[in-house]
Amino acid sequence: MFQLGKTIVSEEIIGNDFVCNLSACKGACCVKGDAGAPLEVAETQILKDIFPKVKPFLRKEGLKAIAEQGVFTTNDFGEHETPLINGEDCAYVIYDRKGTALCGIEEAYNQGAITWKKPVSCHLYPIRVKDYTEFSAVNYEKWHICDPACALGEELQVPVYKFVKQALIRKFGEDWYNELEVLASKT
C-alpha cells in the first residue's frame, strides 16, 4: 500500500494485469454476487433524474425490480446500491444477441440519450474504492469470474490501473492519475 493524496492505494493495481474479456465471462460481474453495484450519494439523485431516459433501454424484469425497489436501494449499513432482479442480475443489466450482460445505463449513454456513463463503481471495476473520513482506500478486487480478464491483461501486458485509467481520472482527477503513473514507473 502507498499513499497518494488522500488515498491509500493497493500496489495490486500496479502489479496485476487486467483487460475485460466479455467474450469469455459474458459480463458475469453484473449478474453474480449478493449485492447491487455500489453507488455514491450523488449518484442516487443522478439515477432518479436520468431514469425516464434510461427506462426504454431496460428489460421488463429490470423495470419490474426498479418499480418494486426504487432506482436504488440502501443496505443495512446505509450504503446505496443498484437494485437486483431476484437477488441476481443488476436491474440495469441488458443482454446482447450473444447473451453477454451489458449496462442499460451505458447503452443509453452510448446512444446519446444521457450524458452520464454509469455508476463510477462499475466504471472502476475491478478496482473498488471505500471512502473513510480522512481518506479513500483504492483496492483491486480479485474475483475468479475475472480470471479470463487477468489472463488477457497479462497477455496484452496491461496493468489494472491502465485498464481503468478513464474511471480513475473520473473519480480522482487527472493530476492524481499522473502521480499514480509516476509511482508505477518506479516499481
N, C-alpha and C. Protein backbone atom coordinates (compact mmCIF):
# COMPACT_ATOMS: atom_id res chain seq x y z
N MET A 1 0.85 -1.18 0.00
CA MET A 1 0.00 0.00 0.00
C MET A 1 0.89 1.24 0.00
N PHE A 2 0.39 2.28 -0.64
CA PHE A 2 1.10 3.55 -0.62
C PHE A 2 0.07 4.67 -0.61
N GLN A 3 0.49 5.83 -0.12
CA GLN A 3 -0.41 6.97 -0.04
C GLN A 3 -0.22 7.85 -1.26
N LEU A 4 -1.33 8.30 -1.80
CA LEU A 4 -1.33 9.22 -2.93
C LEU A 4 -2.42 10.24 -2.65
N GLY A 5 -2.02 11.44 -2.26
CA GLY A 5 -3.00 12.44 -1.85
C GLY A 5 -3.79 11.94 -0.67
N LYS A 6 -5.10 11.98 -0.78
CA LYS A 6 -5.96 11.50 0.31
C LYS A 6 -6.46 10.09 0.04
N THR A 7 -5.62 9.30 -0.65
CA THR A 7 -5.96 7.91 -0.92
C THR A 7 -4.85 7.00 -0.42
N ILE A 8 -5.25 5.82 -0.02
CA ILE A 8 -4.32 4.73 0.28
C ILE A 8 -4.56 3.71 -0.83
N VAL A 9 -3.52 3.42 -1.60
CA VAL A 9 -3.67 2.64 -2.82
C VAL A 9 -2.96 1.29 -2.68
N SER A 10 -3.65 0.23 -3.06
CA SER A 10 -3.07 -1.10 -3.07
C SER A 10 -2.10 -1.21 -4.24
N GLU A 11 -0.93 -1.76 -3.97
CA GLU A 11 0.06 -1.97 -5.04
C GLU A 11 -0.42 -2.99 -6.05
N GLU A 12 -1.46 -3.73 -5.71
CA GLU A 12 -2.00 -4.73 -6.64
C GLU A 12 -2.56 -4.10 -7.92
N ILE A 13 -2.96 -2.83 -7.86
CA ILE A 13 -3.49 -2.21 -9.09
C ILE A 13 -2.37 -1.91 -10.08
N ILE A 14 -1.14 -1.91 -9.59
CA ILE A 14 0.03 -1.72 -10.45
C ILE A 14 0.61 -3.08 -10.85
N GLY A 15 0.64 -4.01 -9.90
CA GLY A 15 1.31 -5.29 -10.11
C GLY A 15 0.49 -6.36 -10.79
N ASN A 16 -0.82 -6.16 -10.93
CA ASN A 16 -1.67 -7.15 -11.59
C ASN A 16 -2.15 -6.61 -12.93
N ASP A 17 -2.35 -7.52 -13.86
CA ASP A 17 -2.83 -7.16 -15.19
C ASP A 17 -4.30 -7.50 -15.33
N PHE A 18 -4.99 -6.74 -16.21
CA PHE A 18 -6.44 -6.94 -16.35
C PHE A 18 -6.94 -6.24 -17.62
N VAL A 19 -7.69 -6.96 -18.41
CA VAL A 19 -8.45 -6.38 -19.54
C VAL A 19 -9.74 -7.19 -19.64
N CYS A 20 -10.88 -6.55 -19.47
CA CYS A 20 -12.15 -7.27 -19.55
C CYS A 20 -12.19 -8.13 -20.80
N ASN A 21 -12.67 -9.34 -20.63
CA ASN A 21 -12.79 -10.29 -21.73
C ASN A 21 -14.24 -10.75 -21.77
N LEU A 22 -15.10 -9.86 -22.26
CA LEU A 22 -16.54 -10.13 -22.25
C LEU A 22 -16.93 -11.38 -23.02
N SER A 23 -16.15 -11.73 -24.04
CA SER A 23 -16.49 -12.94 -24.80
C SER A 23 -16.31 -14.18 -23.93
N ALA A 24 -15.46 -14.11 -22.91
CA ALA A 24 -15.23 -15.25 -22.02
C ALA A 24 -16.16 -15.24 -20.80
N CYS A 25 -16.32 -14.08 -20.17
CA CYS A 25 -17.08 -14.03 -18.92
C CYS A 25 -18.55 -13.68 -19.11
N LYS A 26 -18.88 -13.11 -20.26
CA LYS A 26 -20.27 -12.72 -20.57
C LYS A 26 -20.84 -11.68 -19.62
N GLY A 27 -19.96 -10.86 -19.00
CA GLY A 27 -20.42 -9.81 -18.10
C GLY A 27 -20.89 -10.32 -16.75
N ALA A 28 -20.27 -11.41 -16.29
CA ALA A 28 -20.70 -12.05 -15.05
C ALA A 28 -20.68 -11.12 -13.84
N CYS A 29 -19.81 -10.12 -13.83
CA CYS A 29 -19.73 -9.23 -12.66
C CYS A 29 -21.03 -8.44 -12.46
N CYS A 30 -21.84 -8.34 -13.50
CA CYS A 30 -23.11 -7.61 -13.40
C CYS A 30 -24.28 -8.50 -13.00
N VAL A 31 -24.04 -9.82 -12.95
CA VAL A 31 -25.13 -10.74 -12.64
C VAL A 31 -24.84 -11.70 -11.50
N LYS A 32 -23.60 -11.72 -11.03
CA LYS A 32 -23.21 -12.59 -9.92
C LYS A 32 -23.00 -11.73 -8.67
N GLY A 33 -22.98 -12.39 -7.53
CA GLY A 33 -22.74 -11.68 -6.29
C GLY A 33 -24.02 -11.56 -5.48
N ASP A 34 -23.91 -10.90 -4.37
CA ASP A 34 -25.05 -10.83 -3.45
C ASP A 34 -25.54 -9.40 -3.21
N ALA A 35 -25.04 -8.45 -4.01
CA ALA A 35 -25.45 -7.06 -3.83
C ALA A 35 -25.36 -6.34 -5.17
N GLY A 36 -26.08 -5.24 -5.27
CA GLY A 36 -26.00 -4.42 -6.47
C GLY A 36 -24.72 -3.62 -6.49
N ALA A 37 -24.54 -2.87 -7.55
CA ALA A 37 -23.35 -2.03 -7.68
C ALA A 37 -23.39 -0.91 -6.65
N PRO A 38 -22.27 -0.68 -5.96
CA PRO A 38 -22.21 0.43 -5.00
C PRO A 38 -22.45 1.77 -5.70
N LEU A 39 -23.18 2.64 -5.03
CA LEU A 39 -23.48 3.97 -5.56
C LEU A 39 -23.02 5.04 -4.59
N GLU A 40 -22.46 6.11 -5.12
CA GLU A 40 -22.15 7.28 -4.30
C GLU A 40 -23.45 8.03 -4.05
N VAL A 41 -23.51 8.80 -2.98
CA VAL A 41 -24.73 9.53 -2.63
C VAL A 41 -25.21 10.39 -3.79
N ALA A 42 -24.30 11.13 -4.42
CA ALA A 42 -24.70 12.00 -5.55
C ALA A 42 -25.27 11.19 -6.71
N GLU A 43 -24.83 9.96 -6.86
CA GLU A 43 -25.32 9.13 -7.97
C GLU A 43 -26.77 8.71 -7.79
N THR A 44 -27.24 8.68 -6.54
CA THR A 44 -28.64 8.30 -6.32
C THR A 44 -29.56 9.35 -6.96
N GLN A 45 -29.21 10.61 -6.84
CA GLN A 45 -30.02 11.67 -7.47
C GLN A 45 -29.88 11.61 -8.99
N ILE A 46 -28.68 11.33 -9.47
CA ILE A 46 -28.48 11.21 -10.92
C ILE A 46 -29.37 10.11 -11.47
N LEU A 47 -29.41 8.96 -10.78
CA LEU A 47 -30.27 7.86 -11.25
C LEU A 47 -31.74 8.27 -11.27
N LYS A 48 -32.17 8.99 -10.25
CA LYS A 48 -33.56 9.48 -10.24
C LYS A 48 -33.82 10.38 -11.45
N ASP A 49 -32.86 11.27 -11.72
CA ASP A 49 -33.04 12.25 -12.79
C ASP A 49 -33.02 11.62 -14.18
N ILE A 50 -32.15 10.64 -14.40
CA ILE A 50 -31.99 10.07 -15.74
C ILE A 50 -32.90 8.88 -16.01
N PHE A 51 -33.53 8.34 -14.97
CA PHE A 51 -34.30 7.12 -15.15
C PHE A 51 -35.31 7.19 -16.30
N PRO A 52 -36.05 8.28 -16.46
CA PRO A 52 -37.00 8.30 -17.59
C PRO A 52 -36.32 8.10 -18.96
N LYS A 53 -35.09 8.55 -19.09
CA LYS A 53 -34.37 8.39 -20.36
C LYS A 53 -33.69 7.03 -20.47
N VAL A 54 -33.41 6.39 -19.35
CA VAL A 54 -32.78 5.06 -19.34
C VAL A 54 -33.83 3.97 -19.49
N LYS A 55 -35.01 4.23 -18.99
CA LYS A 55 -36.10 3.24 -18.95
C LYS A 55 -36.32 2.51 -20.28
N PRO A 56 -36.33 3.19 -21.43
CA PRO A 56 -36.57 2.47 -22.69
C PRO A 56 -35.48 1.46 -23.05
N PHE A 57 -34.33 1.54 -22.42
CA PHE A 57 -33.23 0.64 -22.73
C PHE A 57 -33.24 -0.63 -21.87
N LEU A 58 -34.08 -0.65 -20.86
CA LEU A 58 -34.05 -1.74 -19.88
C LEU A 58 -35.01 -2.88 -20.22
N ARG A 59 -34.72 -4.04 -19.64
CA ARG A 59 -35.58 -5.21 -19.80
C ARG A 59 -36.79 -5.10 -18.87
N LYS A 60 -37.83 -5.82 -19.22
CA LYS A 60 -39.04 -5.77 -18.38
C LYS A 60 -38.77 -6.26 -16.96
N GLU A 61 -37.87 -7.24 -16.80
CA GLU A 61 -37.53 -7.74 -15.46
C GLU A 61 -36.84 -6.65 -14.63
N GLY A 62 -35.98 -5.89 -15.28
CA GLY A 62 -35.30 -4.79 -14.60
C GLY A 62 -36.28 -3.70 -14.21
N LEU A 63 -37.18 -3.38 -15.13
CA LEU A 63 -38.19 -2.36 -14.85
C LEU A 63 -39.08 -2.77 -13.68
N LYS A 64 -39.42 -4.06 -13.63
CA LYS A 64 -40.24 -4.56 -12.52
C LYS A 64 -39.49 -4.43 -11.20
N ALA A 65 -38.22 -4.82 -11.18
CA ALA A 65 -37.41 -4.72 -9.96
C ALA A 65 -37.30 -3.27 -9.51
N ILE A 66 -37.11 -2.35 -10.44
CA ILE A 66 -36.99 -0.94 -10.11
C ILE A 66 -38.33 -0.40 -9.61
N ALA A 67 -39.42 -0.84 -10.22
CA ALA A 67 -40.75 -0.41 -9.76
C ALA A 67 -40.99 -0.86 -8.31
N GLU A 68 -40.51 -2.04 -7.98
CA GLU A 68 -40.73 -2.59 -6.64
C GLU A 68 -39.74 -2.04 -5.60
N GLN A 69 -38.48 -1.80 -6.01
CA GLN A 69 -37.43 -1.45 -5.06
C GLN A 69 -36.97 0.00 -5.13
N GLY A 70 -37.24 0.65 -6.26
CA GLY A 70 -36.76 2.00 -6.49
C GLY A 70 -35.55 1.98 -7.41
N VAL A 71 -35.12 3.15 -7.87
CA VAL A 71 -33.99 3.22 -8.80
C VAL A 71 -32.67 2.87 -8.11
N PHE A 72 -32.67 2.87 -6.77
CA PHE A 72 -31.53 2.39 -5.99
C PHE A 72 -32.08 1.84 -4.69
N THR A 73 -31.26 1.06 -4.00
CA THR A 73 -31.63 0.51 -2.70
C THR A 73 -30.59 0.97 -1.67
N THR A 74 -30.92 0.80 -0.41
CA THR A 74 -30.00 1.12 0.67
C THR A 74 -29.87 -0.11 1.55
N ASN A 75 -28.62 -0.56 1.75
CA ASN A 75 -28.42 -1.79 2.53
C ASN A 75 -28.44 -1.49 4.04
N ASP A 76 -28.21 -2.53 4.83
CA ASP A 76 -28.26 -2.41 6.29
C ASP A 76 -27.17 -1.50 6.85
N PHE A 77 -26.14 -1.21 6.06
CA PHE A 77 -25.05 -0.35 6.50
C PHE A 77 -25.25 1.09 6.03
N GLY A 78 -26.40 1.36 5.41
CA GLY A 78 -26.68 2.70 4.92
C GLY A 78 -26.02 3.02 3.58
N GLU A 79 -25.47 2.00 2.92
CA GLU A 79 -24.81 2.19 1.62
C GLU A 79 -25.82 1.99 0.50
N HIS A 80 -25.69 2.79 -0.53
CA HIS A 80 -26.62 2.73 -1.65
C HIS A 80 -26.09 1.79 -2.73
N GLU A 81 -27.03 1.09 -3.39
CA GLU A 81 -26.68 0.10 -4.42
C GLU A 81 -27.74 0.10 -5.50
N THR A 82 -27.38 -0.46 -6.64
CA THR A 82 -28.39 -0.68 -7.67
C THR A 82 -29.28 -1.83 -7.23
N PRO A 83 -30.56 -1.81 -7.58
CA PRO A 83 -31.43 -2.92 -7.21
C PRO A 83 -31.09 -4.17 -8.03
N LEU A 84 -31.51 -5.32 -7.51
CA LEU A 84 -31.27 -6.59 -8.18
C LEU A 84 -32.58 -7.22 -8.64
N ILE A 85 -32.48 -8.02 -9.67
CA ILE A 85 -33.62 -8.82 -10.14
C ILE A 85 -33.51 -10.18 -9.46
N ASN A 86 -34.46 -10.49 -8.59
CA ASN A 86 -34.48 -11.77 -7.87
C ASN A 86 -33.14 -12.09 -7.20
N GLY A 87 -32.49 -11.07 -6.64
CA GLY A 87 -31.25 -11.29 -5.93
C GLY A 87 -30.06 -11.64 -6.82
N GLU A 88 -30.17 -11.43 -8.13
CA GLU A 88 -29.08 -11.81 -9.04
C GLU A 88 -28.67 -10.64 -9.93
N ASP A 89 -29.19 -10.57 -11.15
CA ASP A 89 -28.81 -9.53 -12.11
C ASP A 89 -29.06 -8.13 -11.56
N CYS A 90 -28.15 -7.23 -11.85
CA CYS A 90 -28.41 -5.82 -11.61
C CYS A 90 -29.65 -5.45 -12.43
N ALA A 91 -30.52 -4.65 -11.87
CA ALA A 91 -31.75 -4.27 -12.58
C ALA A 91 -31.47 -3.48 -13.85
N TYR A 92 -30.28 -2.94 -13.98
CA TYR A 92 -29.94 -2.15 -15.16
C TYR A 92 -29.24 -2.98 -16.25
N VAL A 93 -29.11 -4.29 -16.01
CA VAL A 93 -28.46 -5.16 -16.99
C VAL A 93 -29.38 -5.43 -18.18
N ILE A 94 -28.76 -5.37 -19.35
CA ILE A 94 -29.42 -5.81 -20.58
C ILE A 94 -28.50 -6.85 -21.21
N TYR A 95 -28.99 -7.57 -22.19
CA TYR A 95 -28.19 -8.60 -22.85
C TYR A 95 -28.12 -8.35 -24.34
N ASP A 96 -26.93 -8.63 -24.90
CA ASP A 96 -26.80 -8.53 -26.35
C ASP A 96 -27.22 -9.86 -26.98
N ARG A 97 -27.11 -9.95 -28.29
CA ARG A 97 -27.55 -11.16 -29.01
C ARG A 97 -26.77 -12.40 -28.63
N LYS A 98 -25.56 -12.21 -28.12
CA LYS A 98 -24.71 -13.34 -27.74
C LYS A 98 -24.91 -13.75 -26.28
N GLY A 99 -25.84 -13.07 -25.59
CA GLY A 99 -26.10 -13.39 -24.20
C GLY A 99 -25.13 -12.75 -23.23
N THR A 100 -24.41 -11.72 -23.67
CA THR A 100 -23.48 -11.01 -22.81
C THR A 100 -24.21 -9.90 -22.06
N ALA A 101 -24.00 -9.86 -20.75
CA ALA A 101 -24.61 -8.81 -19.93
C ALA A 101 -23.92 -7.48 -20.21
N LEU A 102 -24.73 -6.47 -20.46
CA LEU A 102 -24.24 -5.11 -20.68
C LEU A 102 -25.02 -4.18 -19.76
N CYS A 103 -24.59 -2.94 -19.67
CA CYS A 103 -25.25 -1.96 -18.81
C CYS A 103 -26.25 -1.14 -19.61
N GLY A 104 -27.50 -1.16 -19.21
CA GLY A 104 -28.53 -0.37 -19.87
C GLY A 104 -28.28 1.13 -19.73
N ILE A 105 -27.69 1.53 -18.61
CA ILE A 105 -27.35 2.95 -18.42
C ILE A 105 -26.29 3.34 -19.45
N GLU A 106 -25.27 2.50 -19.57
CA GLU A 106 -24.20 2.79 -20.52
C GLU A 106 -24.71 2.76 -21.96
N GLU A 107 -25.66 1.89 -22.23
CA GLU A 107 -26.23 1.86 -23.58
C GLU A 107 -26.98 3.16 -23.86
N ALA A 108 -27.72 3.67 -22.89
CA ALA A 108 -28.39 4.96 -23.05
C ALA A 108 -27.36 6.06 -23.30
N TYR A 109 -26.24 6.01 -22.59
CA TYR A 109 -25.14 6.95 -22.78
C TYR A 109 -24.57 6.82 -24.19
N ASN A 110 -24.29 5.59 -24.61
CA ASN A 110 -23.72 5.35 -25.94
C ASN A 110 -24.65 5.83 -27.06
N GLN A 111 -25.94 5.75 -26.82
CA GLN A 111 -26.93 6.18 -27.81
C GLN A 111 -27.21 7.69 -27.75
N GLY A 112 -26.57 8.39 -26.81
CA GLY A 112 -26.74 9.83 -26.70
C GLY A 112 -27.97 10.28 -25.94
N ALA A 113 -28.65 9.35 -25.27
CA ALA A 113 -29.86 9.70 -24.52
C ALA A 113 -29.53 10.41 -23.20
N ILE A 114 -28.35 10.12 -22.63
CA ILE A 114 -27.91 10.73 -21.38
C ILE A 114 -26.42 11.08 -21.49
N THR A 115 -25.93 11.88 -20.55
CA THR A 115 -24.51 12.28 -20.58
C THR A 115 -23.70 11.63 -19.46
N TRP A 116 -24.32 10.78 -18.67
CA TRP A 116 -23.66 10.10 -17.56
C TRP A 116 -23.41 8.65 -17.96
N LYS A 117 -22.17 8.19 -17.92
CA LYS A 117 -21.80 6.87 -18.45
C LYS A 117 -22.42 5.72 -17.68
N LYS A 118 -22.20 5.68 -16.39
CA LYS A 118 -22.69 4.64 -15.49
C LYS A 118 -22.13 4.91 -14.11
N PRO A 119 -22.58 4.16 -13.08
CA PRO A 119 -22.01 4.39 -11.75
C PRO A 119 -20.49 4.25 -11.77
N VAL A 120 -19.82 5.10 -11.03
CA VAL A 120 -18.36 5.09 -11.05
C VAL A 120 -17.81 3.77 -10.53
N SER A 121 -18.52 3.10 -9.63
CA SER A 121 -18.03 1.80 -9.13
C SER A 121 -17.98 0.77 -10.26
N CYS A 122 -18.92 0.84 -11.18
CA CYS A 122 -18.93 -0.08 -12.33
C CYS A 122 -17.81 0.29 -13.30
N HIS A 123 -17.63 1.58 -13.52
CA HIS A 123 -16.60 2.08 -14.43
C HIS A 123 -15.21 1.71 -13.90
N LEU A 124 -15.03 1.71 -12.59
CA LEU A 124 -13.75 1.41 -11.97
C LEU A 124 -13.43 -0.08 -11.89
N TYR A 125 -14.42 -0.93 -12.01
CA TYR A 125 -14.20 -2.35 -11.75
C TYR A 125 -13.09 -2.91 -12.61
N PRO A 126 -12.11 -3.62 -12.04
CA PRO A 126 -12.09 -4.38 -10.79
C PRO A 126 -11.52 -3.62 -9.58
N ILE A 127 -11.42 -2.32 -9.69
CA ILE A 127 -10.99 -1.53 -8.54
C ILE A 127 -12.22 -1.17 -7.72
N ARG A 128 -12.09 -1.30 -6.42
CA ARG A 128 -13.14 -0.88 -5.50
C ARG A 128 -12.58 0.22 -4.61
N VAL A 129 -13.37 1.24 -4.39
CA VAL A 129 -12.97 2.36 -3.55
C VAL A 129 -13.87 2.39 -2.33
N LYS A 130 -13.27 2.46 -1.17
CA LYS A 130 -14.01 2.58 0.08
C LYS A 130 -13.63 3.92 0.70
N ASP A 131 -14.62 4.78 0.86
CA ASP A 131 -14.37 6.11 1.42
C ASP A 131 -14.47 6.06 2.94
N TYR A 132 -13.47 6.64 3.58
CA TYR A 132 -13.43 6.79 5.03
C TYR A 132 -13.40 8.28 5.33
N THR A 133 -13.45 8.66 6.58
CA THR A 133 -13.48 10.06 6.97
C THR A 133 -12.28 10.83 6.45
N GLU A 134 -11.09 10.29 6.63
CA GLU A 134 -9.86 11.00 6.31
C GLU A 134 -9.23 10.62 4.97
N PHE A 135 -9.63 9.49 4.39
CA PHE A 135 -9.00 9.01 3.16
C PHE A 135 -9.93 8.04 2.44
N SER A 136 -9.55 7.68 1.23
CA SER A 136 -10.23 6.65 0.46
C SER A 136 -9.25 5.52 0.21
N ALA A 137 -9.71 4.28 0.39
CA ALA A 137 -8.90 3.10 0.11
C ALA A 137 -9.20 2.65 -1.32
N VAL A 138 -8.15 2.47 -2.11
CA VAL A 138 -8.27 2.07 -3.51
C VAL A 138 -7.68 0.67 -3.63
N ASN A 139 -8.55 -0.32 -3.83
CA ASN A 139 -8.13 -1.72 -3.82
C ASN A 139 -8.51 -2.45 -5.10
N TYR A 140 -7.74 -3.47 -5.40
CA TYR A 140 -8.03 -4.37 -6.51
C TYR A 140 -8.85 -5.52 -5.95
N GLU A 141 -10.01 -5.77 -6.55
CA GLU A 141 -10.87 -6.87 -6.12
C GLU A 141 -10.69 -8.04 -7.06
N LYS A 142 -10.00 -9.05 -6.61
CA LYS A 142 -9.76 -10.24 -7.43
C LYS A 142 -10.93 -11.19 -7.22
N TRP A 143 -11.54 -11.61 -8.33
CA TRP A 143 -12.70 -12.49 -8.29
C TRP A 143 -12.52 -13.53 -9.38
N HIS A 144 -12.74 -14.78 -9.06
CA HIS A 144 -12.45 -15.86 -10.00
C HIS A 144 -13.18 -15.71 -11.33
N ILE A 145 -14.32 -15.06 -11.35
CA ILE A 145 -15.04 -14.90 -12.62
C ILE A 145 -14.26 -14.01 -13.59
N CYS A 146 -13.29 -13.27 -13.06
CA CYS A 146 -12.47 -12.40 -13.91
C CYS A 146 -11.14 -13.04 -14.30
N ASP A 147 -10.97 -14.32 -14.06
CA ASP A 147 -9.72 -14.99 -14.47
C ASP A 147 -9.42 -14.79 -15.95
N PRO A 148 -10.42 -14.86 -16.85
CA PRO A 148 -10.11 -14.60 -18.26
C PRO A 148 -9.62 -13.17 -18.50
N ALA A 149 -10.10 -12.22 -17.72
CA ALA A 149 -9.65 -10.82 -17.85
C ALA A 149 -8.21 -10.69 -17.37
N CYS A 150 -7.87 -11.41 -16.33
CA CYS A 150 -6.49 -11.39 -15.83
C CYS A 150 -5.55 -12.00 -16.87
N ALA A 151 -5.98 -13.11 -17.47
CA ALA A 151 -5.15 -13.77 -18.49
C ALA A 151 -4.96 -12.86 -19.70
N LEU A 152 -6.05 -12.21 -20.14
CA LEU A 152 -5.95 -11.31 -21.29
C LEU A 152 -5.08 -10.10 -20.95
N GLY A 153 -5.24 -9.56 -19.77
CA GLY A 153 -4.41 -8.43 -19.34
C GLY A 153 -2.94 -8.80 -19.31
N GLU A 154 -2.65 -10.02 -18.83
CA GLU A 154 -1.26 -10.48 -18.80
C GLU A 154 -0.73 -10.65 -20.23
N GLU A 155 -1.55 -11.22 -21.10
CA GLU A 155 -1.13 -11.41 -22.50
C GLU A 155 -0.84 -10.06 -23.17
N LEU A 156 -1.69 -9.07 -22.90
CA LEU A 156 -1.54 -7.75 -23.51
C LEU A 156 -0.63 -6.83 -22.69
N GLN A 157 -0.24 -7.27 -21.50
CA GLN A 157 0.61 -6.51 -20.58
C GLN A 157 -0.01 -5.16 -20.22
N VAL A 158 -1.26 -5.22 -19.74
CA VAL A 158 -1.99 -4.02 -19.33
C VAL A 158 -2.27 -4.11 -17.83
N PRO A 159 -1.59 -3.30 -17.02
CA PRO A 159 -1.88 -3.29 -15.59
C PRO A 159 -3.30 -2.79 -15.30
N VAL A 160 -3.83 -3.21 -14.17
CA VAL A 160 -5.18 -2.82 -13.78
C VAL A 160 -5.38 -1.31 -13.88
N TYR A 161 -4.44 -0.55 -13.33
CA TYR A 161 -4.63 0.90 -13.29
C TYR A 161 -4.70 1.51 -14.68
N LYS A 162 -4.03 0.93 -15.65
CA LYS A 162 -4.11 1.45 -17.02
C LYS A 162 -5.43 1.06 -17.67
N PHE A 163 -5.92 -0.14 -17.35
CA PHE A 163 -7.20 -0.57 -17.90
C PHE A 163 -8.33 0.37 -17.46
N VAL A 164 -8.28 0.83 -16.24
CA VAL A 164 -9.35 1.69 -15.71
C VAL A 164 -8.93 3.16 -15.65
N LYS A 165 -8.02 3.55 -16.51
CA LYS A 165 -7.48 4.92 -16.49
C LYS A 165 -8.59 5.98 -16.50
N GLN A 166 -9.50 5.91 -17.45
CA GLN A 166 -10.55 6.94 -17.55
C GLN A 166 -11.42 6.98 -16.30
N ALA A 167 -11.71 5.81 -15.72
CA ALA A 167 -12.51 5.78 -14.49
C ALA A 167 -11.75 6.37 -13.31
N LEU A 168 -10.46 6.09 -13.22
CA LEU A 168 -9.66 6.68 -12.13
C LEU A 168 -9.57 8.19 -12.27
N ILE A 169 -9.44 8.67 -13.49
CA ILE A 169 -9.43 10.12 -13.72
C ILE A 169 -10.79 10.71 -13.35
N ARG A 170 -11.84 10.02 -13.73
CA ARG A 170 -13.20 10.47 -13.38
C ARG A 170 -13.36 10.58 -11.86
N LYS A 171 -12.83 9.61 -11.14
CA LYS A 171 -13.01 9.56 -9.69
C LYS A 171 -12.06 10.51 -8.94
N PHE A 172 -10.78 10.53 -9.34
CA PHE A 172 -9.78 11.25 -8.56
C PHE A 172 -9.13 12.42 -9.27
N GLY A 173 -9.34 12.56 -10.57
CA GLY A 173 -8.75 13.67 -11.32
C GLY A 173 -7.49 13.28 -12.06
N GLU A 174 -7.17 14.07 -13.06
CA GLU A 174 -6.02 13.78 -13.92
C GLU A 174 -4.69 13.93 -13.19
N ASP A 175 -4.57 14.92 -12.31
CA ASP A 175 -3.32 15.09 -11.56
C ASP A 175 -3.03 13.86 -10.70
N TRP A 176 -4.07 13.34 -10.03
CA TRP A 176 -3.92 12.14 -9.21
C TRP A 176 -3.44 10.99 -10.07
N TYR A 177 -4.07 10.80 -11.23
CA TYR A 177 -3.68 9.70 -12.11
C TYR A 177 -2.25 9.86 -12.61
N ASN A 178 -1.86 11.07 -12.96
CA ASN A 178 -0.49 11.30 -13.42
C ASN A 178 0.53 10.96 -12.33
N GLU A 179 0.20 11.28 -11.09
CA GLU A 179 1.07 10.92 -9.97
C GLU A 179 1.15 9.41 -9.81
N LEU A 180 0.01 8.75 -10.01
CA LEU A 180 -0.02 7.28 -9.94
C LEU A 180 0.91 6.69 -11.01
N GLU A 181 0.86 7.21 -12.21
CA GLU A 181 1.72 6.72 -13.29
C GLU A 181 3.20 6.90 -12.94
N VAL A 182 3.55 8.03 -12.34
CA VAL A 182 4.93 8.27 -11.94
C VAL A 182 5.35 7.21 -10.90
N LEU A 183 4.50 7.00 -9.91
CA LEU A 183 4.82 5.99 -8.89
C LEU A 183 4.92 4.60 -9.51
N ALA A 184 4.03 4.28 -10.44
CA ALA A 184 4.05 2.96 -11.08
C ALA A 184 5.32 2.76 -11.89
N SER A 185 5.81 3.80 -12.50
CA SER A 185 7.04 3.69 -13.32
C SER A 185 8.26 3.40 -12.47
N LYS A 186 8.17 3.67 -11.18
CA LYS A 186 9.31 3.47 -10.28
C LYS A 186 9.31 2.08 -9.64
N THR A 187 8.27 1.31 -9.90
CA THR A 187 8.19 -0.03 -9.27
C THR A 187 8.71 -1.11 -10.20
